[in-house]
Protein backbone atom coordinates (compact mmCIF):
# COMPACT_ATOMS: atom_id res chain seq x y z
CA MET A 1 -16.43 24.39 5.83
CA SER A 2 -17.07 21.24 3.84
CA ILE A 3 -16.28 19.15 0.77
CA ARG A 4 -19.32 18.89 -1.50
CA PHE A 5 -19.99 16.56 -4.42
CA GLU A 6 -23.13 17.57 -6.32
CA GLN A 7 -24.71 15.22 -8.88
CA LEU A 8 -21.23 13.97 -9.67
CA GLN A 9 -20.82 11.73 -12.72
CA PHE A 10 -17.23 10.76 -13.51
CA SER A 11 -15.56 8.27 -15.87
CA TYR A 12 -11.98 7.47 -16.77
CA PHE A 13 -12.79 6.95 -20.46
CA LYS A 14 -15.02 8.71 -22.95
CA ASP A 15 -16.86 5.48 -23.76
CA GLY A 16 -16.26 3.75 -20.42
CA HIS A 17 -18.64 3.07 -17.55
CA ASP A 18 -19.02 5.71 -14.86
CA VAL A 19 -16.85 5.10 -11.80
CA ILE A 20 -19.01 7.67 -9.99
CA PRO A 21 -22.52 7.38 -11.48
CA GLY A 22 -24.24 10.44 -9.96
CA LEU A 23 -23.15 11.05 -6.38
CA THR A 24 -24.27 13.85 -4.06
CA ALA A 25 -22.55 14.02 -0.68
CA GLU A 26 -21.07 16.47 1.81
CA PHE A 27 -18.25 15.99 4.33
CA HIS A 28 -17.86 18.57 7.09
CA ALA A 29 -14.55 19.87 8.42
CA SER A 30 -15.86 19.44 11.96
CA ASN A 31 -15.58 15.66 11.48
CA ILE A 32 -12.79 13.20 10.73
CA THR A 33 -14.52 11.04 8.14
CA VAL A 34 -13.29 7.64 6.95
CA LEU A 35 -14.50 6.23 3.63
CA THR A 36 -14.34 2.46 3.38
CA GLY A 37 -15.53 -0.19 0.94
CA VAL A 38 -14.19 -2.82 -1.45
CA SER A 39 -11.28 -2.13 -3.81
CA GLY A 40 -12.22 -0.25 -6.96
CA CYS A 41 -15.52 1.17 -5.66
CA GLY A 42 -14.47 4.80 -6.26
CA LYS A 43 -13.08 5.89 -2.88
CA SER A 44 -9.70 7.11 -4.15
CA THR A 45 -11.38 8.74 -7.15
CA LEU A 46 -13.36 10.98 -4.80
CA LEU A 47 -10.15 12.10 -3.08
CA TYR A 48 -8.47 12.93 -6.40
CA LEU A 49 -11.50 15.01 -7.38
CA ALA A 50 -11.50 16.83 -4.03
CA ALA A 51 -7.77 17.52 -4.41
CA GLY A 52 -8.30 18.97 -7.89
CA ALA A 53 -6.07 16.37 -9.52
CA TYR A 54 -9.06 15.06 -11.49
CA PRO A 55 -10.30 15.78 -14.09
CA HIS A 56 -7.28 17.98 -14.87
CA ASN A 57 -4.85 15.02 -15.02
CA ALA A 58 -7.18 12.12 -15.81
CA GLY A 59 -10.78 11.18 -16.42
CA ILE A 60 -13.89 12.94 -17.63
CA LEU A 61 -16.29 14.87 -15.41
CA ARG A 62 -19.53 14.22 -17.28
CA SER A 63 -21.68 16.32 -14.99
CA GLY A 64 -21.89 17.82 -11.51
CA LYS A 65 -19.36 19.80 -9.52
CA VAL A 66 -16.87 19.48 -6.67
CA THR A 67 -16.21 22.24 -4.15
CA VAL A 68 -13.95 22.49 -1.10
CA ASP A 69 -15.07 25.22 1.29
CA GLY A 70 -17.10 26.65 -1.58
CA ILE A 71 -14.16 26.71 -4.01
CA ALA A 72 -13.73 24.47 -7.09
CA PRO A 73 -10.22 23.01 -6.54
CA ALA A 74 -9.79 22.02 -10.20
CA GLU A 75 -9.88 25.71 -11.13
CA LEU A 76 -7.02 26.69 -8.82
CA LEU A 77 -3.32 26.83 -9.57
CA PRO A 78 -1.26 24.11 -7.78
CA PRO A 79 0.10 26.41 -4.99
CA GLU A 80 -3.43 27.55 -4.19
CA ARG A 81 -4.81 23.99 -4.31
CA CYS A 82 -2.26 22.61 -1.87
CA ARG A 83 -3.09 25.34 0.65
CA LEU A 84 -6.73 24.34 0.40
CA ALA A 85 -6.42 20.54 0.36
CA GLY A 86 -3.30 18.41 0.64
CA MET A 87 -3.44 14.78 -0.47
CA MET A 88 -1.37 11.72 0.37
CA PHE A 89 -1.48 9.06 -2.36
CA GLN A 90 -1.55 5.33 -1.61
CA ASN A 91 1.93 5.20 -3.15
CA PRO A 92 3.90 8.20 -1.80
CA GLU A 93 6.67 7.62 -4.36
CA LEU A 94 4.37 9.11 -7.00
CA GLN A 95 4.56 12.45 -5.18
CA PHE A 96 8.28 12.75 -4.47
CA CYS A 97 10.44 15.00 -6.64
CA MET A 98 13.74 15.36 -4.76
CA ASP A 99 16.52 13.09 -3.50
CA THR A 100 16.49 13.53 0.28
CA VAL A 101 13.84 14.00 2.94
CA LYS A 102 15.01 17.54 3.72
CA ASN A 103 15.12 18.57 0.07
CA GLU A 104 11.62 17.20 -0.48
CA LEU A 105 10.19 19.36 2.30
CA VAL A 106 12.17 22.38 1.11
CA PHE A 107 10.77 21.85 -2.40
CA CYS A 108 7.21 21.76 -1.02
CA LEU A 109 7.69 24.94 1.00
CA GLU A 110 9.39 26.76 -1.88
CA ASN A 111 6.34 26.07 -4.05
CA ILE A 112 4.13 28.03 -1.65
CA ARG A 113 6.74 30.82 -1.40
CA THR A 114 7.75 30.22 2.20
CA THR A 115 10.38 32.75 3.34
CA PRO A 116 13.90 31.38 3.94
CA SER A 117 13.82 32.35 7.61
CA GLU A 118 10.57 30.45 8.14
CA MET A 119 11.49 27.36 6.12
CA GLU A 120 13.90 25.52 8.43
CA PRO A 121 11.77 25.83 11.60
CA ARG A 122 8.67 24.78 9.67
CA LEU A 123 10.18 21.66 8.13
CA ASN A 124 11.83 20.67 11.43
CA ALA A 125 8.50 21.00 13.22
CA ALA A 126 6.78 18.84 10.60
CA LEU A 127 9.44 16.11 10.87
CA GLN A 128 9.25 16.19 14.65
CA PHE A 129 5.47 16.03 14.56
CA CYS A 130 5.61 12.83 12.44
CA GLY A 131 8.38 11.30 14.55
CA ILE A 132 10.94 11.16 11.74
CA ALA A 133 13.43 13.91 12.61
CA HIS A 134 16.17 11.25 12.43
CA LEU A 135 15.40 10.72 8.72
CA LYS A 136 15.99 14.35 7.75
CA ASN A 137 19.15 13.76 5.71
CA ARG A 138 18.34 10.26 4.43
CA THR A 139 17.77 9.65 0.72
CA LEU A 140 14.19 8.79 -0.14
CA LEU A 141 15.32 5.69 -2.03
CA SER A 142 16.87 4.26 1.14
CA LEU A 143 13.61 4.48 3.14
CA SER A 144 11.07 1.75 3.70
CA GLY A 145 7.55 2.11 2.37
CA GLY A 146 6.28 3.04 5.82
CA GLU A 147 8.97 5.67 6.29
CA ARG A 148 8.10 7.21 2.93
CA GLN A 149 4.47 7.49 3.98
CA LYS A 150 5.55 9.35 7.10
CA VAL A 151 7.67 11.70 4.97
CA MET A 152 4.68 12.42 2.74
CA LEU A 153 2.57 13.17 5.79
CA ALA A 154 5.32 15.51 7.05
CA CYS A 155 5.16 17.36 3.72
CA LEU A 156 1.44 17.87 4.18
CA VAL A 157 1.89 19.03 7.77
CA ALA A 158 4.52 21.55 6.61
CA LEU A 159 2.20 22.90 3.91
CA GLN A 160 -0.56 23.48 6.50
CA PRO A 161 -3.60 22.95 4.24
CA LYS A 162 -7.16 23.44 5.47
CA TRP A 163 -7.98 19.82 4.55
CA LEU A 164 -6.03 16.57 4.60
CA LEU A 165 -7.06 13.93 2.06
CA LEU A 166 -5.46 10.61 3.02
CA ASP A 167 -5.52 7.54 0.79
CA GLU A 168 -4.68 4.44 2.89
CA PRO A 169 -2.33 6.40 5.18
CA PHE A 170 -1.41 3.36 7.32
CA ALA A 171 -0.98 0.80 4.54
CA ASN A 172 2.79 0.33 4.97
CA ILE A 173 3.13 1.28 8.63
CA ASP A 174 3.40 -0.97 11.67
CA ASP A 175 0.64 -0.87 14.29
CA ARG A 176 2.55 1.25 16.79
CA SER A 177 3.51 3.89 14.22
CA ALA A 178 -0.02 3.88 12.80
CA SER A 179 -1.46 4.46 16.26
CA GLU A 180 0.97 7.34 16.85
CA ILE A 181 0.14 9.01 13.52
CA ALA A 182 -3.60 8.55 14.06
CA GLU A 183 -3.21 10.34 17.38
CA LYS A 184 -1.28 13.14 15.65
CA LEU A 185 -4.02 13.47 13.02
CA GLY A 186 -6.55 13.81 15.80
CA GLN A 187 -4.36 16.49 17.34
CA LEU A 188 -4.16 18.41 14.04
CA HIS A 189 -7.93 18.26 13.74
CA GLN A 190 -8.62 19.38 17.31
CA GLU A 191 -5.95 22.07 17.67
CA LYS A 192 -5.65 23.43 14.12
CA GLY A 193 -9.16 22.77 12.84
CA VAL A 194 -7.86 20.76 9.89
CA GLY A 195 -10.61 18.85 8.09
CA ILE A 196 -9.74 15.20 7.40
CA LEU A 197 -11.26 12.88 4.79
CA ALA A 198 -9.52 9.50 4.69
CA VAL A 199 -9.88 6.31 2.67
CA ASP A 200 -9.03 3.09 4.49
CA HIS A 201 -9.85 -0.61 4.25
CA ARG A 202 -8.88 -1.10 7.88
CA LEU A 203 -10.69 0.72 10.66
CA ASP A 204 -8.51 -0.35 13.60
CA ASN A 205 -6.49 2.85 13.77
CA TRP A 206 -9.51 5.14 13.40
CA VAL A 207 -11.68 3.80 16.23
CA ASN A 208 -10.44 6.34 18.79
CA VAL A 209 -9.91 9.21 16.33
CA ALA A 210 -12.56 9.32 13.59
CA SER A 211 -15.95 10.93 13.99
CA THR A 212 -17.83 9.06 11.26
CA VAL A 213 -17.43 6.11 8.90
CA ARG A 214 -19.13 5.98 5.48
CA ILE A 215 -19.30 2.92 3.20
CA MET A 216 -19.01 3.15 -0.59
CA GLU A 217 -20.34 0.57 -3.05
CA LYS A 218 -20.03 0.89 -6.83
CA GLY A 219 -19.45 4.63 -6.79
CA ARG A 220 -22.26 5.39 -4.36
CA LEU A 221 -22.37 6.12 -0.65
CA LEU A 222 -24.59 3.94 1.47
CA PRO A 223 -27.09 6.13 3.36
CA GLU A 224 -26.09 5.22 6.92
CA THR A 225 -23.46 7.20 8.83
CA LEU A 226 -21.60 4.89 11.21
CA SER A 227 -19.93 5.68 14.50
CA PRO A 228 -16.43 4.12 14.73
CA LYS A 229 -17.04 3.39 18.40
CA ASN A 230 -20.20 1.39 17.69
CA LEU A 231 -19.56 -0.62 14.55
CA ASP A 232 -21.58 -3.63 13.45
CA PHE A 233 -18.71 -5.99 12.61
CA HIS A 234 -20.96 -8.54 10.90
CA HIS A 235 -22.43 -5.80 8.69
CA LEU A 236 -18.93 -4.65 7.72
CA GLU A 237 -17.58 -8.14 7.02
CA GLU A 238 -20.54 -8.82 4.73
CA ARG A 239 -19.33 -5.87 2.65
CA GLY A 240 -15.74 -7.08 2.49
CA ILE A 241 -14.36 -4.67 5.09
CA ILE A 242 -11.64 -5.69 7.55
CA VAL A 243 -12.98 -5.21 11.08
CA PRO A 244 -10.91 -4.26 14.13
CA GLY A 245 -9.47 -7.35 15.79
CA GLY A 246 -11.14 -9.66 13.28
CA SER A 247 -9.68 -12.93 12.03
CA TYR A 248 -9.47 -14.13 8.44
CA GLY A 249 -9.95 -17.71 9.60
CA VAL A 250 -7.03 -20.13 9.60
CA HIS A 251 -5.86 -20.70 6.02
CA ARG A 252 -2.31 -21.90 6.60
CA CYS A 253 -0.60 -23.71 3.77
CA SER A 254 0.27 -26.37 6.34
CA GLY A 255 2.48 -28.08 3.86
CA ILE A 256 5.02 -30.69 4.84
CA ALA A 257 8.49 -29.15 4.81
CA GLN A 258 10.34 -30.65 1.86
CA ASN A 259 13.78 -29.78 0.50
CA LYS A 260 15.59 -26.71 1.76
CA VAL A 261 15.26 -24.22 -1.11
CA LEU A 262 16.64 -20.92 0.24
CA GLU A 263 19.33 -20.45 2.85
CA LEU A 264 20.73 -17.19 4.24
CA ARG A 265 24.18 -17.30 5.82
CA GLY A 266 25.35 -14.25 7.76
CA LEU A 267 23.66 -11.80 5.39
CA THR A 268 24.58 -8.16 6.10
CA LEU A 269 23.49 -4.93 4.42
CA ARG A 270 24.22 -1.21 4.76
CA HIS A 271 22.54 1.89 3.37
CA GLY A 272 25.37 4.41 3.42
CA THR A 273 26.75 4.39 6.96
CA THR A 274 23.62 2.81 8.44
CA GLN A 275 23.75 -0.92 9.21
CA ILE A 276 20.38 -2.40 8.20
CA LEU A 277 20.95 -6.18 8.39
CA ARG A 278 23.38 -7.72 10.87
CA GLY A 279 24.28 -11.26 9.93
CA ILE A 280 20.93 -12.88 9.12
CA THR A 281 20.92 -16.66 9.09
CA ALA A 282 17.77 -18.61 8.20
CA SER A 283 16.53 -21.56 6.16
CA PHE A 284 13.32 -21.84 4.12
CA TYR A 285 11.77 -25.06 2.81
CA ARG A 286 9.51 -25.86 -0.12
CA GLY A 287 5.88 -26.46 0.77
CA ARG A 288 5.85 -23.88 3.59
CA ALA A 289 4.66 -20.29 4.04
CA TYR A 290 6.76 -17.86 6.07
CA ALA A 291 5.67 -14.44 7.35
CA ILE A 292 8.23 -11.76 8.20
CA VAL A 293 6.98 -9.07 10.56
CA GLY A 294 8.62 -6.06 12.16
CA GLN A 295 8.32 -2.31 12.64
CA SER A 296 8.43 0.11 9.72
CA GLY A 297 12.03 0.66 8.62
CA CYS A 298 13.37 -2.49 10.30
CA GLY A 299 14.75 -3.79 6.98
CA LYS A 300 12.10 -6.16 5.56
CA SER A 301 12.05 -4.49 2.13
CA SER A 302 15.84 -4.16 2.20
CA LEU A 303 16.18 -7.91 2.82
CA PHE A 304 13.91 -8.66 -0.13
CA GLY A 305 15.72 -6.06 -2.23
CA ALA A 306 19.03 -7.80 -1.54
CA LEU A 307 17.60 -11.13 -2.71
CA LEU A 308 16.22 -9.38 -5.80
CA GLY A 309 19.68 -8.04 -6.62
CA MET A 310 18.86 -4.38 -5.92
CA TYR A 311 21.44 -4.00 -3.13
CA ARG A 312 24.93 -5.28 -2.51
CA TYR A 313 25.15 -7.41 0.59
CA GLY A 314 27.65 -9.37 2.61
CA GLY A 315 27.33 -13.06 3.46
CA GLN A 316 25.56 -15.61 1.29
CA ALA A 317 22.08 -16.33 -0.06
CA LEU A 318 21.82 -19.84 -1.51
CA LEU A 319 19.10 -21.09 -3.86
CA ASP A 320 19.12 -24.90 -3.84
CA GLY A 321 22.68 -24.69 -2.52
CA LYS A 322 23.91 -22.28 -5.23
CA ASP A 323 25.05 -18.74 -4.44
CA LEU A 324 22.53 -16.23 -5.80
CA LYS A 325 25.33 -13.87 -6.81
CA LYS A 326 26.70 -16.49 -9.18
CA LEU A 327 23.48 -17.77 -10.74
CA ARG A 328 22.59 -17.18 -14.37
CA ARG A 329 19.45 -15.23 -15.26
CA LYS A 330 17.56 -18.40 -16.19
CA GLU A 331 18.19 -19.90 -12.75
CA LEU A 332 17.23 -16.67 -11.01
CA GLY A 333 13.82 -17.07 -12.69
CA HIS A 334 13.04 -19.73 -10.08
CA ILE A 335 12.43 -16.88 -7.58
CA GLY A 336 9.26 -14.86 -8.09
CA PHE A 337 8.99 -11.35 -6.60
CA VAL A 338 6.17 -8.93 -5.93
CA THR A 339 7.51 -5.60 -4.68
CA GLN A 340 5.67 -3.05 -2.54
CA ASN A 341 4.97 -1.06 -5.71
CA PRO A 342 3.92 -3.62 -8.37
CA GLN A 343 3.65 -0.94 -11.05
CA ASP A 344 7.47 -0.88 -11.04
CA GLN A 345 7.30 -4.42 -12.49
CA PHE A 346 4.62 -3.99 -15.17
CA VAL A 347 5.71 -4.66 -18.76
CA GLY A 348 2.39 -5.16 -20.60
CA GLY A 349 0.32 -2.46 -22.25
CA THR A 350 -2.89 -3.95 -20.88
CA VAL A 351 -3.89 -6.09 -17.92
CA LEU A 352 -4.30 -9.10 -20.22
CA GLU A 353 -0.91 -8.52 -21.87
CA GLU A 354 0.69 -8.36 -18.43
CA ILE A 355 -0.46 -11.89 -17.66
CA LEU A 356 0.32 -13.17 -21.16
CA SER A 357 3.87 -11.81 -20.95
CA SER A 358 4.49 -13.93 -17.88
CA LEU A 359 3.22 -17.06 -19.66
CA HIS A 360 5.95 -16.77 -22.32
CA GLY A 361 3.86 -18.27 -25.13
CA LYS A 362 3.02 -21.47 -23.26
CA ALA A 363 0.36 -23.73 -24.74
CA GLY A 364 -3.13 -22.58 -23.83
CA ALA A 365 -1.80 -19.19 -22.67
CA ALA A 366 -4.98 -17.30 -23.60
CA GLU A 367 -7.21 -19.69 -21.65
CA THR A 368 -4.85 -19.68 -18.67
CA ALA A 369 -4.69 -15.88 -18.63
CA GLU A 370 -8.48 -15.66 -18.69
CA LYS A 371 -8.74 -18.15 -15.82
CA ILE A 372 -6.19 -16.22 -13.74
CA LEU A 373 -7.83 -12.84 -14.28
CA LYS A 374 -11.30 -14.16 -13.53
CA SER A 375 -10.05 -15.75 -10.30
CA ILE A 376 -8.91 -12.32 -9.03
CA HIS A 377 -11.88 -10.41 -10.50
CA LEU A 378 -9.84 -8.41 -13.02
CA TRP A 379 -11.17 -9.94 -16.24
CA ARG A 380 -13.46 -6.96 -16.89
CA TYR A 381 -10.36 -4.71 -16.86
CA ARG A 382 -8.37 -6.88 -19.29
CA GLU A 383 -8.09 -4.14 -21.97
CA LEU A 384 -7.16 -1.44 -19.45
CA SER A 385 -3.60 -0.25 -18.84
CA PRO A 386 -2.25 -1.67 -15.55
CA TYR A 387 -1.33 1.89 -14.55
CA LEU A 388 -5.00 2.92 -14.58
CA LEU A 389 -6.02 0.31 -12.03
CA SER A 390 -6.47 1.27 -8.41
CA GLN A 391 -3.52 0.54 -6.10
CA GLY A 392 -5.41 -2.44 -4.68
CA GLN A 393 -6.10 -3.82 -8.15
CA GLN A 394 -2.47 -3.31 -9.18
CA ARG A 395 -1.45 -5.35 -6.16
CA LYS A 396 -3.75 -8.19 -7.21
CA LEU A 397 -2.33 -8.09 -10.74
CA GLY A 398 1.24 -8.17 -9.43
CA VAL A 399 0.46 -11.29 -7.40
CA ALA A 400 -1.44 -12.86 -10.31
CA THR A 401 1.61 -12.73 -12.57
CA LEU A 402 3.34 -15.15 -10.20
CA MET A 403 0.64 -17.73 -10.92
CA ALA A 404 2.01 -18.09 -14.44
CA TYR A 405 5.52 -19.01 -13.30
CA ASP A 406 6.87 -22.29 -11.97
CA CYS A 407 8.72 -20.67 -9.07
CA ARG A 408 10.49 -22.49 -6.28
CA VAL A 409 10.38 -19.41 -4.04
CA LEU A 410 7.71 -16.69 -3.94
CA ILE A 411 8.77 -13.47 -2.24
CA CYS A 412 6.02 -10.91 -1.66
CA ASP A 413 6.56 -7.55 0.02
CA GLU A 414 3.26 -6.59 1.72
CA PRO A 415 1.08 -8.56 -0.74
CA THR A 416 -2.20 -7.44 0.85
CA TYR A 417 -1.66 -3.79 1.67
CA ALA A 418 -4.54 -1.49 0.61
CA GLN A 419 -6.81 -4.52 0.07
CA ASP A 420 -10.33 -5.12 1.30
CA ARG A 421 -11.09 -8.30 3.22
CA ASN A 422 -12.28 -10.36 0.26
CA SER A 423 -9.31 -9.34 -1.89
CA THR A 424 -6.95 -10.15 0.98
CA LEU A 425 -8.41 -13.64 1.24
CA ALA A 426 -8.28 -14.12 -2.56
CA ILE A 427 -4.62 -13.07 -2.77
CA MET A 428 -3.45 -15.17 0.15
CA ASP A 429 -5.46 -18.23 -0.94
CA THR A 430 -3.90 -17.87 -4.40
CA LEU A 431 -0.40 -17.74 -2.95
CA CYS A 432 -1.03 -20.70 -0.65
CA ARG A 433 -2.39 -22.68 -3.59
CA GLN A 434 0.91 -22.07 -5.39
CA VAL A 435 2.74 -23.40 -2.33
CA LYS A 436 0.64 -26.56 -2.26
CA ASP A 437 0.35 -27.23 -6.01
CA HIS A 438 3.92 -26.33 -6.99
CA HIS A 439 5.68 -27.13 -3.69
CA ALA A 440 7.08 -23.60 -3.52
CA ALA A 441 8.26 -21.68 -0.46
CA LEU A 442 6.26 -18.52 0.17
CA ILE A 443 7.98 -15.70 2.06
CA PHE A 444 5.87 -12.59 2.66
CA SER A 445 6.26 -9.50 4.78
CA THR A 446 3.30 -7.91 6.51
CA HIS A 447 2.34 -5.39 9.17
CA ASP A 448 -0.91 -7.30 9.64
CA ARG A 449 -0.02 -9.71 12.42
CA GLN A 450 -3.42 -11.39 12.23
CA LEU A 451 -2.68 -12.19 8.59
CA ALA A 452 0.61 -13.78 9.66
CA LEU A 453 -1.17 -15.84 12.32
CA ASP A 454 -3.85 -17.08 9.92
CA PHE A 455 -1.74 -17.85 6.83
CA ALA A 456 1.89 -18.51 7.79
CA ASP A 457 3.28 -21.89 8.81
CA GLU A 458 6.20 -20.08 10.44
CA ILE A 459 6.60 -16.46 11.58
CA TRP A 460 9.89 -14.58 11.74
CA GLU A 461 10.47 -11.12 13.25
CA LEU A 462 13.11 -8.72 11.95
CA GLU A 463 14.36 -6.60 14.81
CA GLY A 464 17.65 -4.81 15.34
CA GLY A 465 18.88 -6.06 11.98
CA ARG A 466 18.46 -9.71 12.99
CA LEU A 467 15.84 -12.30 12.09
CA HIS A 468 14.44 -14.60 14.75
CA ALA A 469 11.57 -17.09 14.82
CA VAL A 470 8.54 -16.27 16.97
CA THR A 471 5.75 -18.49 18.18
CA GLN A 472 2.07 -17.90 17.42
CA SER A 473 1.54 -16.85 21.03
CA GLY A 474 4.55 -14.51 20.80
CA LEU A 475 2.66 -12.21 18.44
């Protein structure tokens, strides 16, 4: 029982460089294996190949073969593939087809011809297993990013595949929920014999669960097999990997609070009958960085969505003393947003066009765009569609577009999720530079409390629908 890659050579374009330049490797179902390495090194590509999604839906398999338990997944029909190996994408939204959590699980079970009498108990057990039974009748659009990841995991649990392929499964989940799910994954592996191959930039949640850790670099696996209980943190940090309990070093913007730029007065928000925000009052000043932390589903993305104009809300949000609801589009341009899924914001046909579109024909736009893309290591991908970048690279591009605007407020929803250590530092240093150079206010949400400690001038926690300031020691 294993996943085998034999002399694998894979590219996304006929004339492009090989993402996987000739890899031979085997992962056994008796282990929980975590693949780690810098963004764009080919980790997610391996999962898509093992799931049978590639090369059927994208890319070119130049040579070699992929087998899962001796079977070529790309040759199977979808219902047969999902029984063999179920995959969770970095962005679970790309996998959803229905409107509610229940309907999504029903849809999954219908596709493998589950009998009606078996369906309800099976989906209820999957929801209970993932700790989200209370979300059963919620619409998927009303869920936080972390809640959607749990729903996707519940779909996989309901399908009962022989293998789970997990791409950054904890990226949008708070530490407590991540720990609970990691424990459940260990339980699935031990009790049901499910093989697990996971991709993750963070190893914290795998230390007590995983059997082995493998490092990828430039489409190749490094020869050593690491034990998660005996990791060489210095060795990992040298390769851009975030180590358990490690610090990024203090990089706070440490700007002097200038004029109040954004004020929230009694802001309330509902999703259907559920009260999400309960009278939030807070002030944010130019020249400062603010981190908002809180458990998955506490309302961080909903708060940002309200400020973006996605949701109707009660109370007031004032930009430089003016009500956001009454501002003209030109004035709203003083707030820059990066959502959890930056691909929802892309407008350019290529990576370069995406940056140029944000420069609006300013003098020296071409030179500025080149400088921006080189600073985030995306210049080599300038002619590529933004949608063909890895999730981590898309995140960097989404943040980079803000560098072209003269924003008074930068609002970033999980700006560093699914990023390696070096990319995390590059993104946060870029955002802090905007705060210092343009005297903007940076407001970012994160589940990485160490990131909040190292980069934020002030930290706020959203809990019970209310926002309150916390001290550094309070985290």
